[in-house]
C-alpha atoms as a PDB file:
ATOM      1  CA  MET A   1       5.137 -35.778   2.659  1.00  0.00           C
ATOM      2  CA  GLU A   2       7.246 -32.378   2.790  1.00  0.00           C
ATOM      3  CA  THR A   3       5.074 -30.911   0.265  1.00  0.00           C
ATOM      4  CA  LEU A   4       1.665 -32.322   1.047  1.00  0.00           C
ATOM      5  CA  LEU A   5       0.743 -30.358   3.844  1.00  0.00           C
ATOM      6  CA  PRO A   6       2.075 -26.737   1.611  1.00  0.00           C
ATOM      7  CA  ASN A   7       0.435 -28.068  -0.784  1.00  0.00           C
ATOM      8  CA  VAL A   8      -3.144 -27.873   1.337  1.00  0.00           C
ATOM      9  CA  GLY A   9      -2.282 -24.533   2.687  1.00  0.00           C
ATOM     10  CA  ALA A  10      -1.110 -23.040  -0.530  1.00  0.00           C
ATOM     11  CA  SER A  11      -4.601 -25.055  -1.835  1.00  0.00           C
ATOM     12  CA  ILE A  12      -7.037 -23.267   0.457  1.00  0.00           C
ATOM     13  CA  SER A  13      -5.513 -19.927   0.154  1.00  0.00           C
ATOM     14  CA  LEU A  14      -6.389 -20.499  -4.176  1.00  0.00           C
ATOM     15  CA  LEU A  15      -9.814 -21.573  -3.379  1.00  0.00           C
ATOM     16  CA  LEU A  16     -10.380 -18.740  -1.294  1.00  0.00           C
ATOM     17  CA  GLY A  17      -9.034 -16.703  -4.175  1.00  0.00           C
ATOM     18  CA  PHE A  18     -11.348 -17.983  -5.594  1.00  0.00           C
ATOM     19  CA  ILE A  19     -14.337 -17.343  -4.330  1.00  0.00           C
ATOM     20  CA  ALA A  20     -13.251 -13.649  -3.773  1.00  0.00           C
ATOM     21  CA  ILE A  21     -13.133 -13.487  -7.659  1.00  0.00           C
ATOM     22  CA  PHE A  22     -16.225 -15.454  -8.739  1.00  0.00           C
ATOM     23  CA  TRP A  23     -17.834 -14.616  -5.555  1.00  0.00           C
ATOM     24  CA  PRO A  24     -17.751 -11.683  -3.728  1.00  0.00           C
ATOM     25  CA  ALA A  25     -20.755 -11.002  -1.661  1.00  0.00           C
ATOM     26  CA  LYS A  26     -19.415 -13.834   0.182  1.00  0.00           C
ATOM     27  CA  THR A  27     -16.196 -12.922   1.002  1.00  0.00           C
ATOM     28  CA  GLU A  28     -17.858 -10.103   2.358  1.00  0.00           C
ATOM     29  CA  THR A  29     -20.248 -12.309   5.230  1.00  0.00           C
ATOM     30  CA  PHE A  30     -16.527 -14.681   5.543  1.00  0.00           C
ATOM     31  CA  VAL A  31     -14.905 -11.612   6.492  1.00  0.00           C
ATOM     32  CA  SER A  32     -17.651  -9.103   8.321  1.00  0.00           C
ATOM     33  CA  ILE A  33     -17.068  -6.618   5.359  1.00  0.00           C
ATOM     34  CA  LYS A  34     -19.230  -4.589   3.342  1.00  0.00           C
ATOM     35  CA  SER A  35     -18.147  -3.379   0.251  1.00  0.00           C
ATOM     36  CA  LEU A  36     -19.012   0.411  -1.381  1.00  0.00           C
ATOM     37  CA  GLY A  37     -20.264   0.555  -5.028  1.00  0.00           C
ATOM     38  CA  LYS A  38     -18.049  -0.558  -7.804  1.00  0.00           C
ATOM     39  CA  GLU A  39     -15.022   0.168  -6.351  1.00  0.00           C
ATOM     40  CA  GLY A  40     -15.758  -1.906  -3.136  1.00  0.00           C
ATOM     41  CA  ASN A  41     -16.374  -4.999  -5.386  1.00  0.00           C
ATOM     42  CA  SER A  42     -13.020  -5.087  -7.357  1.00  0.00           C
ATOM     43  CA  GLU A  43     -10.972  -4.332  -3.903  1.00  0.00           C
ATOM     44  CA  ILE A  44     -12.311  -7.562  -2.738  1.00  0.00           C
ATOM     45  CA  ARG A  45     -12.105  -8.928  -6.075  1.00  0.00           C
ATOM     46  CA  ALA A  46      -8.744  -7.977  -6.231  1.00  0.00           C
ATOM     47  CA  THR A  47      -7.440  -8.081  -2.532  1.00  0.00           C
ATOM     48  CA  TYR A  48      -8.679 -11.146  -1.563  1.00  0.00           C
ATOM     49  CA  GLY A  49      -9.191 -12.675  -5.034  1.00  0.00           C
ATOM     50  CA  GLY A  50      -5.916 -11.729  -7.091  1.00  0.00           C
ATOM     51  CA  PHE A  51      -2.943 -11.447  -4.423  1.00  0.00           C
ATOM     52  CA  PHE A  52      -4.136 -14.649  -2.893  1.00  0.00           C
ATOM     53  CA  LEU A  53      -4.792 -16.386  -6.559  1.00  0.00           C
ATOM     54  CA  GLY A  54      -1.492 -15.038  -7.526  1.00  0.00           C
ATOM     55  CA  ILE A  55       0.163 -16.275  -4.714  1.00  0.00           C
ATOM     56  CA  SER A  56      -0.785 -19.152  -4.227  1.00  0.00           C
ATOM     57  CA  LEU A  57      -0.285 -20.567  -7.755  1.00  0.00           C
ATOM     58  CA  PHE A  58       2.619 -19.707  -7.922  1.00  0.00           C
ATOM     59  CA  ALA A  59       3.603 -21.400  -4.840  1.00  0.00           C
ATOM     60  CA  LEU A  60       1.875 -24.727  -6.023  1.00  0.00           C
ATOM     61  CA  SER A  61       3.715 -23.889  -9.965  1.00  0.00           C
ATOM     62  CA  SER A  62       6.813 -23.124  -8.321  1.00  0.00           C
ATOM     63  CA  GLN A  63       6.760 -26.221  -5.837  1.00  0.00           C
ATOM     64  CA  ASP A  64       9.517 -23.904  -4.917  1.00  0.00           C
ATOM     65  CA  SER A  65       9.676 -23.931  -0.567  1.00  0.00           C
ATOM     66  CA  ILE A  66      10.606 -20.193   0.111  1.00  0.00           C
ATOM     67  CA  VAL A  67       7.344 -19.997  -1.826  1.00  0.00           C
ATOM     68  CA  PHE A  68       5.280 -21.614   0.629  1.00  0.00           C
ATOM     69  CA  ILE A  69       6.915 -19.754   3.371  1.00  0.00           C
ATOM     70  CA  VAL A  70       6.558 -16.019   2.156  1.00  0.00           C
ATOM     71  CA  LEU A  71       2.855 -17.446   1.862  1.00  0.00           C
ATOM     72  CA  GLY A  72       3.240 -18.526   4.910  1.00  0.00           C
ATOM     73  CA  ILE A  73       4.625 -16.027   6.861  1.00  0.00           C
ATOM     74  CA  GLY A  74       1.491 -14.176   5.790  1.00  0.00           C
ATOM     75  CA  TRP A  75      -0.531 -16.132   7.129  1.00  0.00           C
ATOM     76  CA  LEU A  76       1.012 -16.394  10.105  1.00  0.00           C
ATOM     77  CA  SER A  77       1.242 -12.827  10.271  1.00  0.00           C
ATOM     78  CA  ALA A  78      -2.191 -11.641   9.629  1.00  0.00           C
ATOM     79  CA  ALA A  79      -2.855 -14.438  12.934  1.00  0.00           C
ATOM     80  CA  LEU A  80      -0.916 -12.527  15.494  1.00  0.00           C
ATOM     81  CA  ILE A  81      -2.409  -8.938  14.350  1.00  0.00           C
ATOM     82  CA  ARG A  82      -5.920 -10.216  14.646  1.00  0.00           C
ATOM     83  CA  LEU A  83      -4.930 -12.295  17.838  1.00  0.00           C
ATOM     84  CA  PHE A  84      -3.233  -8.779  18.713  1.00  0.00           C
ATOM     85  CA  SER A  85      -7.083  -7.108  18.374  1.00  0.00           C
ATOM     86  CA  LEU A  86      -8.515  -9.503  20.228  1.00  0.00           C
ATOM     87  CA  CYS A  87      -6.241  -8.293  23.247  1.00  0.00           C
ATOM     88  CA  PHE A  88      -7.287  -5.155  23.008  1.00  0.00           C
ATOM     89  CA  GLY A  89     -11.270  -4.749  22.891  1.00  0.00           C
ATOM     90  CA  PHE A  90     -11.971  -6.446  19.807  1.00  0.00           C
ATOM     91  CA  TYR A  91     -12.818 -10.396  20.629  1.00  0.00           C
ATOM     92  CA  THR A  92     -15.601 -12.276  19.205  1.00  0.00           C
ATOM     93  CA  SER A  93     -16.042 -16.298  19.043  1.00  0.00           C
ATOM     94  CA  LYS A  94     -15.809 -15.253  14.756  1.00  0.00           C
ATOM     95  CA  ASN A  95     -12.065 -12.986  15.287  1.00  0.00           C
ATOM     96  CA  LEU A  96     -10.614 -16.190  18.290  1.00  0.00           C
ATOM     97  CA  MET A  97     -11.967 -18.991  15.035  1.00  0.00           C
ATOM     98  CA  GLY A  98     -10.409 -16.243  12.616  1.00  0.00           C
ATOM     99  CA  VAL A  99      -7.031 -16.383  14.491  1.00  0.00           C
ATOM    100  CA  ILE A 100      -7.456 -20.811  14.636  1.00  0.00           C
ATOM    101  CA  PHE A 101      -8.288 -20.345  10.318  1.00  0.00           C
ATOM    102  CA  GLU A 102      -5.258 -18.526   9.757  1.00  0.00           C
ATOM    103  CA  GLY A 103      -2.698 -19.833  12.086  1.00  0.00           C
ATOM    104  CA  LEU A 104      -3.511 -23.602  10.693  1.00  0.00           C
ATOM    105  CA  ILE A 105      -2.952 -22.332   6.965  1.00  0.00           C
ATOM    106  CA  GLY A 106       0.002 -21.108   7.914  1.00  0.00           C
ATOM    107  CA  GLY A 107       1.596 -24.067   9.569  1.00  0.00           C
ATOM    108  CA  LEU A 108       0.227 -26.343   6.813  1.00  0.00           C
ATOM    109  CA  CYS A 109       2.601 -24.102   4.953  1.00  0.00           C
ATOM    110  CA  ILE A 110       5.631 -23.815   6.747  1.00  0.00           C
ATOM    111  CA  SER A 111       4.894 -27.075   7.844  1.00  0.00           C
ATOM    112  CA  SER A 112       8.357 -28.332   5.738  1.00  0.00           C
ATOM    113  CA  LEU A 113      10.530 -25.971   8.194  1.00  0.00           C
ATOM    114  CA  LEU A 114       8.966 -28.735  10.665  1.00  0.00           C
ATOM    115  CA  ILE A 115       9.812 -31.589   9.286  1.00  0.00           C
END
């Protein structure tokens, strides 16, 4: 049970990475951005796809709690920065859901610390 929840969090991250690599237009819609030209499409694939894919695969293959924690801290940091932006005029229900989504994945990834 100790590694089940971190593996779920890493698997969600991995799925998001695959979506960004193979369907960058879906990622654009999901995160409300628009890529411009070939470089923009490559940026989505590399940043949202390659980064998520790489760190998620490493966490899943190593089964090292420190790697899961690093992945979780990344997600929790994203949630914190998004929450901060909500307080400075960027409140939307989609941004609020982003805080919850990122916080949930981050919580799953670091759950071994809480058990």
